Amino acid sequence: MDIRRRGATLNGVVEQVERFAEPRILEALQDTRVVVIQGARQVGKTTLLHEIVAKSGGRALTLDDEVARATAQADPVAFVTQNAGALLAIDEVQRVPELVLALKLVVDRDPRPGRFLLTGSANLLRLPATEDSLAGRAESIELLGFSQGEVVGRQEDFIDRLLSGDRFLGHTSALNRNDYLERAVAGSYPEALARTGRRRSQWLDNYLSRTVERDAPDVSPLQRLGELPLILRVLAARNSDELNVADIARDTGIPARTLAPHVELLETLYLIQRIPAWSTNLTKRVVSRPKAALLDTGLAARLLGVSASGASPTMRPEVAGHLLEGFVAGELRRQLGWADEIVRISHYRDHAGDEVDFILEADDGRIAGIEVKATSSVGRNDARWLAKLRDRLGSRFAAGVVLHTGTTSGPLGEKLAAVPLDALWSA
């Protein structure tokens, strides 16, 4: 698989990957005092920060540097005012939380937009020390690992098109089930994508260790942080399943009251995402638990010790469904960063057994539904819950698709279709 990555050599070729979130960041700097690029470690935040600074003529500092970190801790106000009158970019700001109050003080005195660009390997607005201080003063923009569209150089518009009623009936694909699994197990971290086999596995192992040993203590006072890899491994085995803390507590031997804040920390560190249950008055028997999925399916596959061939129908076929649904969840989350529509992603299930993997809901109330199948053959029965959703919602329902691993698209009824999974980025 030919994967291009930013600023690094792959197969002897140096290629640049355009980050589709960049225009949003530049737009925010025009009217917002503090702009925060947030995402997991090693997704390209620092590279993008330096590119923006180079274009704007600002100054960049990193708190991974021990001298800069000590200076920031000693006098936070002096640190954030050292480039007055121009953009100051601070990388990995979560390493010195005291800077947030200093930023609040400085931008309240001088509310000019575009003064500060920050990056953080944690969701700063979920941290108690920063939540109130940044409210109304900062805009956070997610930068996750490479989307499939960024890898191939095509900005995705799948979300906008689906909510406009497009069923992608003209789309065909050259990819098969194993091709999709190869993409899923490769994941989205730029450094991991540049490696294969043992070298990729080693990188992912080191990545998880460094996140637990350095980033987690930076943002959390919790005890038993060494249990995070175990919790993450159990979540990987249940990738895209409903988040049942009691069941995970039983499997890990960690008390539920201890486990819950650790799961929240994994979300704060951008290692997992929760997909909330869609609440509606269609039925009073809706299951209210969120789903949980690792944001990077390469890390999920590594935690499970499975390759693309290892998830084949003759090996561990049950893993394929979890990986591919998590893969779609991650791609949708990335595309939210540049979709024209403001969209909420959720899932639906009721006690009668009706379920839809993903619900996309626009601000005006339009709904689209997505089912994910690890098979190449799809029929009307695979769209039965989408059909029920369509019939209940009436004009609010824009379209529903069953994403599959086959090569052709086809109608499955009014507003419904079976579509190859790569319509997410290549249709």
Protein backbone atom coordinates (compact mmCIF):
# COMPACT_ATOMS: atom_id res chain seq x y z
CA MET A 1 0.00 0.00 0.00
CA ASP A 2 1.45 3.34 -1.10
CA ILE A 3 1.02 5.70 1.85
CA ARG A 4 2.42 9.23 1.65
CA ARG A 5 3.31 11.11 4.78
CA ARG A 6 4.36 14.63 5.67
CA GLY A 7 8.05 15.53 5.72
CA ALA A 8 9.41 11.99 5.78
CA THR A 9 10.85 9.44 3.41
CA LEU A 10 8.75 6.53 2.26
CA ASN A 11 10.20 4.17 -0.34
CA GLY A 12 12.93 6.74 -0.98
CA VAL A 13 10.52 9.56 -1.84
CA VAL A 14 9.88 12.70 0.23
CA GLU A 15 6.26 13.72 -0.06
CA GLN A 16 4.08 16.31 1.64
CA VAL A 17 0.60 15.58 2.92
CA GLU A 18 -1.82 18.49 2.92
CA ARG A 19 -3.74 18.77 6.21
CA PHE A 20 -7.34 19.64 5.48
CA ALA A 21 -7.86 21.26 8.91
CA GLU A 22 -5.37 24.05 8.12
CA PRO A 23 -7.87 26.46 6.47
CA ARG A 24 -10.09 26.25 9.56
CA ILE A 25 -7.14 27.13 11.80
CA LEU A 26 -6.18 30.13 9.66
CA GLU A 27 -9.82 31.25 9.61
CA ALA A 28 -10.08 31.02 13.39
CA LEU A 29 -6.94 33.12 13.87
CA GLN A 30 -8.72 35.98 12.09
CA ASP A 31 -11.35 36.44 14.82
CA THR A 32 -10.28 34.43 17.89
CA ARG A 33 -7.74 35.36 20.55
CA VAL A 34 -6.47 31.85 21.28
CA VAL A 35 -6.61 28.98 18.79
CA VAL A 36 -5.80 25.50 20.04
CA ILE A 37 -4.81 22.60 17.78
CA GLN A 38 -5.68 19.48 19.77
CA GLY A 39 -5.05 15.83 19.13
CA ALA A 40 -3.03 12.82 20.16
CA ARG A 41 0.74 12.86 20.12
CA GLN A 42 2.48 12.21 16.81
CA VAL A 43 -0.39 13.22 14.52
CA GLY A 44 1.41 16.21 12.98
CA LYS A 45 0.39 19.10 15.25
CA THR A 46 3.94 20.47 15.61
CA THR A 47 4.63 20.29 11.89
CA LEU A 48 1.42 22.14 11.10
CA LEU A 49 2.09 24.73 13.80
CA HIS A 50 5.51 25.55 12.30
CA GLU A 51 4.05 25.83 8.82
CA ILE A 52 1.43 28.31 10.02
CA VAL A 53 4.03 30.31 11.95
CA ALA A 54 6.27 30.44 8.88
CA LYS A 55 3.41 31.89 6.85
CA SER A 56 2.38 34.44 9.52
CA GLY A 57 5.79 35.61 10.70
CA GLY A 58 5.17 34.62 14.31
CA ARG A 59 7.37 32.79 16.83
CA ALA A 60 7.15 29.16 17.93
CA LEU A 61 8.19 27.66 21.27
CA THR A 62 7.86 24.10 22.51
CA LEU A 63 7.31 23.00 26.08
CA ASP A 64 8.99 19.69 25.28
CA ASP A 65 12.19 21.74 25.65
CA GLU A 66 13.33 21.62 29.28
CA VAL A 67 14.60 25.21 29.35
CA ALA A 68 11.40 26.59 27.83
CA ARG A 69 9.32 24.54 30.25
CA ALA A 70 11.26 25.76 33.28
CA THR A 71 10.99 29.36 32.10
CA ALA A 72 7.24 29.01 31.59
CA GLN A 73 6.77 27.55 35.06
CA ALA A 74 8.89 30.25 36.71
CA ASP A 75 7.06 33.23 35.17
CA PRO A 76 4.02 32.28 33.08
CA VAL A 77 2.97 35.88 32.27
CA ALA A 78 6.44 36.86 31.04
CA PHE A 79 6.55 33.69 28.94
CA VAL A 80 3.31 34.41 27.08
CA THR A 81 4.11 38.10 26.52
CA GLN A 82 7.57 37.64 25.01
CA ASN A 83 6.36 38.14 21.43
CA ALA A 84 3.86 40.94 22.01
CA GLY A 85 2.34 42.33 18.84
CA ALA A 86 2.78 39.14 16.81
CA LEU A 87 1.58 35.55 16.87
CA LEU A 88 3.11 33.40 19.60
CA ALA A 89 2.79 29.65 19.06
CA ILE A 90 3.29 27.33 22.03
CA ASP A 91 3.64 23.61 21.38
CA GLU A 92 2.43 21.00 23.92
CA VAL A 93 0.88 23.58 26.25
CA GLN A 94 -0.61 20.90 28.52
CA ARG A 95 2.90 20.35 29.94
CA VAL A 96 2.65 23.67 31.86
CA PRO A 97 -1.00 24.15 32.88
CA GLU A 98 -0.10 27.40 34.69
CA LEU A 99 0.19 29.07 31.28
CA VAL A 100 -3.57 28.92 30.79
CA LEU A 101 -4.33 31.43 33.54
CA ALA A 102 -1.56 33.67 32.22
CA LEU A 103 -3.11 33.51 28.76
CA LYS A 104 -6.50 34.42 30.20
CA LEU A 105 -5.00 37.48 31.92
CA VAL A 106 -3.13 38.64 28.82
CA VAL A 107 -5.95 38.22 26.27
CA ASP A 108 -8.45 39.86 28.61
CA ARG A 109 -6.20 42.92 28.73
CA ASP A 110 -5.70 42.91 24.96
CA PRO A 111 -8.48 41.08 23.10
CA ARG A 112 -6.96 41.31 19.62
CA PRO A 113 -7.57 38.11 17.61
CA GLY A 114 -4.81 35.84 16.40
CA ARG A 115 -2.44 36.39 19.31
CA PHE A 116 -1.83 32.79 20.34
CA LEU A 117 -1.70 29.45 18.60
CA LEU A 118 -1.37 26.48 20.95
CA THR A 119 -1.07 22.75 20.50
CA GLY A 120 -2.02 20.18 23.08
CA SER A 121 -1.81 16.39 23.20
CA ALA A 122 -4.86 16.39 25.42
CA ASN A 123 -8.29 17.91 25.14
CA LEU A 124 -7.66 21.07 27.18
CA LEU A 125 -11.32 21.91 27.52
CA ARG A 126 -11.84 18.62 29.41
CA LEU A 127 -9.22 19.52 32.03
CA PRO A 128 -10.56 21.21 35.21
CA ALA A 129 -7.66 23.67 35.33
CA THR A 130 -8.38 25.07 31.89
CA GLU A 131 -12.06 24.54 31.14
CA ASP A 132 -13.32 27.78 32.69
CA SER A 133 -10.25 29.88 31.86
CA LEU A 134 -10.41 29.32 28.11
CA ALA A 135 -14.19 29.48 27.76
CA GLY A 136 -15.19 32.24 25.35
CA ARG A 137 -11.57 33.08 24.58
CA ALA A 138 -10.35 30.05 22.65
CA GLU A 139 -11.42 27.91 19.74
CA SER A 140 -10.25 24.31 19.67
CA ILE A 141 -9.68 22.54 16.38
CA GLU A 142 -8.94 18.84 16.28
CA LEU A 143 -6.04 17.44 14.32
CA LEU A 144 -6.19 13.68 14.26
CA GLY A 145 -4.09 11.20 12.33
CA PHE A 146 -4.14 11.22 8.54
CA SER A 147 -7.52 10.66 6.96
CA GLN A 148 -7.63 8.37 3.96
CA GLY A 149 -8.37 11.42 1.82
CA GLU A 150 -5.27 13.18 3.13
CA VAL A 151 -3.23 10.09 2.31
CA VAL A 152 -4.40 10.05 -1.32
CA GLY A 153 -4.59 13.85 -1.70
CA ARG A 154 -8.36 14.23 -2.08
CA GLN A 155 -10.44 16.25 0.39
CA GLU A 156 -13.44 14.17 1.42
CA ASP A 157 -17.02 15.44 1.20
CA PHE A 158 -18.80 12.20 2.13
CA ILE A 159 -20.69 13.67 5.10
CA ASP A 160 -22.03 16.66 3.17
CA ARG A 161 -23.05 14.54 0.20
CA LEU A 162 -24.81 11.89 2.28
CA LEU A 163 -26.82 14.51 4.15
CA SER A 164 -27.78 16.07 0.81
CA GLY A 165 -29.34 12.76 -0.19
CA ASP A 166 -26.53 11.35 -2.35
CA ARG A 167 -26.52 7.54 -2.34
CA PHE A 168 -23.26 7.18 -4.32
CA LEU A 169 -24.93 4.79 -6.75
CA GLY A 170 -22.33 5.40 -9.44
CA HIS A 171 -19.41 4.49 -7.21
CA THR A 172 -17.33 1.39 -7.86
CA SER A 173 -14.17 0.25 -6.14
CA ALA A 174 -11.10 -1.82 -6.91
CA LEU A 175 -10.52 -2.61 -3.22
CA ASN A 176 -11.42 -5.85 -1.47
CA ARG A 177 -11.88 -6.94 2.14
CA ASN A 178 -8.19 -7.51 2.75
CA ASP A 179 -7.33 -4.10 1.25
CA TYR A 180 -9.62 -2.39 3.73
CA LEU A 181 -8.21 -4.39 6.62
CA GLU A 182 -4.68 -3.45 5.51
CA ARG A 183 -5.67 0.21 5.75
CA ALA A 184 -7.32 -0.32 9.12
CA VAL A 185 -4.32 -2.08 10.69
CA ALA A 186 -1.94 0.53 9.25
CA GLY A 187 -3.82 3.20 11.19
CA SER A 188 -3.38 6.94 10.86
CA TYR A 189 -0.24 7.99 12.76
CA PRO A 190 2.22 9.45 10.21
CA GLU A 191 5.25 7.68 11.72
CA ALA A 192 3.47 4.33 11.82
CA LEU A 193 2.33 4.68 8.22
CA ALA A 194 5.96 5.00 7.13
CA ARG A 195 6.75 1.58 8.58
CA THR A 196 5.64 -1.99 8.02
CA GLY A 197 5.72 -5.22 9.93
CA ARG A 198 7.91 -5.42 13.01
CA ARG A 199 9.05 -1.79 12.72
CA ARG A 200 5.47 -0.52 12.80
CA SER A 201 4.63 -2.76 15.75
CA GLN A 202 7.68 -1.51 17.65
CA TRP A 203 6.73 2.11 17.01
CA LEU A 204 3.17 1.55 18.26
CA ASP A 205 4.45 -0.19 21.40
CA ASN A 206 6.78 2.72 22.15
CA TYR A 207 4.06 5.24 21.38
CA LEU A 208 1.70 3.73 23.94
CA SER A 209 4.45 3.50 26.58
CA ARG A 210 5.45 7.15 26.15
CA THR A 211 1.85 8.33 26.26
CA VAL A 212 1.23 6.49 29.52
CA GLU A 213 4.54 7.45 31.11
CA ARG A 214 4.67 11.12 30.10
CA ASP A 215 1.40 12.57 28.81
CA ALA A 216 -0.98 10.89 31.24
CA PRO A 217 0.82 12.20 34.38
CA ASP A 218 0.96 15.68 32.81
CA VAL A 219 -2.81 15.97 32.69
CA SER A 220 -4.12 13.67 35.41
CA PRO A 221 -3.55 13.07 39.13
CA LEU A 222 -5.10 9.60 38.93
CA GLN A 223 -3.39 6.64 40.53
CA ARG A 224 -2.86 3.34 38.68
CA LEU A 225 -2.00 5.03 35.39
CA GLY A 226 0.00 1.92 34.57
CA GLU A 227 -3.36 0.16 34.08
CA LEU A 228 -4.19 2.30 31.02
CA PRO A 229 -2.71 -0.16 28.46
CA LEU A 230 -4.77 -2.99 29.96
CA ILE A 231 -7.96 -0.92 29.79
CA LEU A 232 -7.15 0.11 26.24
CA ARG A 233 -6.54 -3.50 25.24
CA VAL A 234 -9.95 -4.54 26.56
CA LEU A 235 -11.57 -1.62 24.72
CA ALA A 236 -9.74 -2.66 21.54
CA ALA A 237 -11.24 -6.14 21.84
CA ARG A 238 -14.66 -4.48 22.10
CA ASN A 239 -13.90 -1.79 19.51
CA SER A 240 -17.08 0.07 18.56
CA ASP A 241 -19.16 -1.88 21.08
CA GLU A 242 -21.29 -0.17 23.69
CA LEU A 243 -19.28 1.07 26.64
CA ASN A 244 -20.28 -1.08 29.59
CA VAL A 245 -18.03 -0.08 32.49
CA ALA A 246 -19.23 -2.96 34.66
CA ASP A 247 -18.22 -5.54 32.05
CA ILE A 248 -14.83 -3.90 31.49
CA ALA A 249 -14.27 -3.79 35.25
CA ARG A 250 -14.92 -7.52 35.42
CA ASP A 251 -12.54 -8.26 32.54
CA THR A 252 -9.73 -6.09 33.91
CA GLY A 253 -10.20 -6.67 37.63
CA ILE A 254 -10.29 -2.90 38.17
CA PRO A 255 -13.20 -1.57 40.29
CA ALA A 256 -15.81 0.26 38.21
CA ARG A 257 -15.50 3.43 40.31
CA THR A 258 -11.76 3.46 39.56
CA LEU A 259 -12.20 2.49 35.93
CA ALA A 260 -14.60 5.26 34.87
CA PRO A 261 -12.16 8.18 35.30
CA HIS A 262 -9.42 6.18 33.56
CA VAL A 263 -11.69 5.73 30.53
CA GLU A 264 -12.33 9.49 30.59
CA LEU A 265 -8.57 10.06 30.62
CA LEU A 266 -8.13 7.87 27.54
CA GLU A 267 -10.67 10.08 25.79
CA THR A 268 -8.91 13.25 26.99
CA LEU A 269 -5.66 11.92 25.50
CA TYR A 270 -7.37 11.27 22.15
CA LEU A 271 -6.80 7.53 22.35
CA ILE A 272 -10.51 6.67 22.26
CA GLN A 273 -13.70 8.35 21.22
CA ARG A 274 -17.19 7.90 22.60
CA ILE A 275 -20.05 7.75 20.14
CA PRO A 276 -23.12 8.79 22.11
CA ALA A 277 -26.46 7.07 21.85
CA TRP A 278 -28.93 8.96 19.68
CA SER A 279 -31.78 10.15 21.86
CA THR A 280 -35.12 10.48 20.13
CA ASN A 281 -38.79 10.16 20.91
CA LEU A 282 -39.17 7.43 18.29
CA THR A 283 -39.24 4.90 21.10
CA LYS A 284 -39.02 4.96 24.87
CA ARG A 285 -36.92 1.81 24.87
CA VAL A 286 -33.73 3.27 23.42
CA VAL A 287 -30.45 1.93 24.83
CA SER A 288 -28.59 4.93 26.24
CA ARG A 289 -25.00 3.70 26.49
CA PRO A 290 -22.38 5.27 24.20
CA LYS A 291 -20.11 3.20 22.03
CA ALA A 292 -16.35 3.41 22.49
CA ALA A 293 -13.82 3.10 19.69
CA LEU A 294 -10.09 3.61 19.52
CA LEU A 295 -9.35 6.65 17.36
CA ASP A 296 -6.56 4.76 15.61
CA THR A 297 -7.34 1.27 14.37
CA GLY A 298 -3.64 0.58 13.85
CA LEU A 299 -3.16 0.87 17.60
CA ALA A 300 -6.27 -1.27 18.16
CA ALA A 301 -4.91 -3.99 15.89
CA ARG A 302 -1.54 -3.89 17.63
CA LEU A 303 -3.13 -4.22 21.05
CA LEU A 304 -5.03 -7.26 19.78
CA GLY A 305 -1.95 -8.71 18.07
CA VAL A 306 -3.77 -9.09 14.77
CA SER A 307 -2.77 -8.36 11.16
CA ALA A 308 -5.01 -7.93 8.13
CA SER A 309 -4.55 -11.60 7.23
CA GLY A 310 -5.14 -12.51 10.86
CA ALA A 311 -8.64 -11.04 10.58
CA SER A 312 -9.44 -13.14 7.52
CA PRO A 313 -12.57 -15.36 7.39
CA THR A 314 -10.45 -18.44 8.15
CA MET A 315 -8.56 -16.92 11.09
CA ARG A 316 -10.29 -14.40 13.39
CA PRO A 317 -13.22 -13.12 11.34
CA GLU A 318 -14.95 -11.61 14.38
CA VAL A 319 -12.14 -9.06 14.66
CA ALA A 320 -12.74 -7.71 11.15
CA GLY A 321 -16.15 -6.26 11.96
CA HIS A 322 -14.83 -4.42 15.03
CA LEU A 323 -11.82 -3.05 13.14
CA LEU A 324 -13.78 -1.87 10.11
CA GLU A 325 -16.52 -0.22 12.15
CA GLY A 326 -13.86 1.52 14.23
CA PHE A 327 -12.06 2.49 10.99
CA VAL A 328 -15.24 4.14 9.68
CA ALA A 329 -15.80 5.87 13.04
CA GLY A 330 -12.33 7.38 12.87
CA GLU A 331 -12.73 8.53 9.26
CA LEU A 332 -16.05 10.21 10.06
CA ARG A 333 -14.53 11.95 13.09
CA ARG A 334 -11.69 13.30 10.93
CA GLN A 335 -14.03 14.53 8.22
CA LEU A 336 -16.02 16.56 10.74
CA GLY A 337 -13.02 18.90 10.76
CA TRP A 338 -13.69 20.17 7.25
CA ALA A 339 -17.30 19.24 6.45
CA ASP A 340 -19.51 22.20 5.54
CA GLU A 341 -22.32 20.80 7.65
CA ILE A 342 -22.18 21.02 11.44
CA VAL A 343 -22.91 17.42 12.32
CA ARG A 344 -23.30 15.27 15.41
CA ILE A 345 -22.37 11.59 15.17
CA SER A 346 -24.17 9.04 17.30
CA HIS A 347 -25.46 5.47 17.19
CA TYR A 348 -28.90 3.96 17.65
CA ARG A 349 -30.10 0.80 19.32
CA ASP A 350 -33.29 -0.14 21.09
CA HIS A 351 -34.28 -3.08 23.24
CA ALA A 352 -36.14 -4.65 20.33
CA GLY A 353 -32.82 -5.17 18.56
CA ASP A 354 -33.04 -2.40 15.98
CA GLU A 355 -29.66 -0.72 15.58
CA VAL A 356 -27.85 1.63 13.23
CA ASP A 357 -24.06 1.88 13.50
CA PHE A 358 -23.85 5.64 12.85
CA ILE A 359 -26.41 8.42 12.84
CA LEU A 360 -25.37 11.75 11.29
CA GLU A 361 -27.59 14.62 12.40
CA ALA A 362 -27.31 18.11 10.92
CA ASP A 363 -28.30 21.27 12.78
CA ASP A 364 -31.48 21.60 10.72
CA GLY A 365 -32.64 18.15 11.81
CA ARG A 366 -31.75 16.13 8.71
CA ILE A 367 -30.64 12.58 9.48
CA ALA A 368 -28.45 10.13 7.58
CA GLY A 369 -27.68 6.58 8.63
CA ILE A 370 -24.69 4.33 8.05
CA GLU A 371 -24.28 0.60 8.52
CA VAL A 372 -20.88 -1.10 8.18
CA LYS A 373 -20.49 -4.68 6.96
CA ALA A 374 -17.25 -6.64 6.66
CA THR A 375 -18.77 -8.68 3.82
CA SER A 376 -18.72 -8.09 0.06
CA SER A 377 -22.31 -9.22 -0.48
CA VAL A 378 -25.12 -7.02 0.85
CA GLY A 379 -28.90 -7.38 0.51
CA ARG A 380 -32.06 -5.59 1.59
CA ASN A 381 -32.04 -7.41 4.91
CA ASP A 382 -28.78 -5.64 5.80
CA ALA A 383 -30.62 -2.31 5.42
CA ARG A 384 -33.73 -3.30 7.37
CA TRP A 385 -32.97 -1.04 10.36
CA LEU A 386 -32.09 1.85 8.09
CA ALA A 387 -35.45 1.29 6.38
CA LYS A 388 -37.27 1.41 9.72
CA LEU A 389 -35.44 4.61 10.60
CA ARG A 390 -36.37 6.11 7.21
CA ASP A 391 -40.04 5.21 7.64
CA ARG A 392 -40.21 6.67 11.15
CA LEU A 393 -38.41 9.90 10.32
CA GLY A 394 -40.14 10.68 7.03
CA SER A 395 -38.83 13.84 5.37
CA ARG A 396 -36.09 14.27 7.99
CA PHE A 397 -34.30 11.19 6.65
CA ALA A 398 -31.86 12.22 3.91
CA ALA A 399 -30.22 8.92 2.98
CA GLY A 400 -28.86 5.67 4.36
CA VAL A 401 -25.98 3.54 3.13
CA VAL A 402 -24.60 0.12 3.95
CA LEU A 403 -20.83 0.38 3.55
CA HIS A 404 -19.37 -2.97 2.49
CA THR A 405 -16.13 -4.53 1.22
CA GLY A 406 -17.38 -5.37 -2.27
CA THR A 407 -16.77 -3.47 -5.50
CA THR A 408 -20.15 -2.14 -6.68
CA SER A 409 -23.00 0.05 -5.47
CA GLY A 410 -26.70 -0.71 -5.74
CA PRO A 411 -30.08 0.52 -4.46
CA LEU A 412 -31.64 -1.14 -1.41
CA GLY A 413 -34.93 0.74 -1.45
CA GLU A 414 -36.06 4.34 -1.28
CA LYS A 415 -33.18 6.58 -0.09
CA LEU A 416 -31.07 3.49 0.71
CA ALA A 417 -28.05 1.94 -1.02
CA ALA A 418 -25.21 -0.54 -0.67
CA VAL A 419 -21.91 1.24 -1.33
CA PRO A 420 -18.24 0.16 -1.26
CA LEU A 421 -16.57 1.38 1.88
CA ASP A 422 -14.03 3.58 0.09
CA ALA A 423 -16.85 5.93 -0.91
CA LEU A 424 -15.85 7.57 2.38
CA TRP A 425 -12.83 9.11 0.62
CA SER A 426 -12.81 8.32 -3.10
CA ALA A 427 -16.35 8.71 -4.47
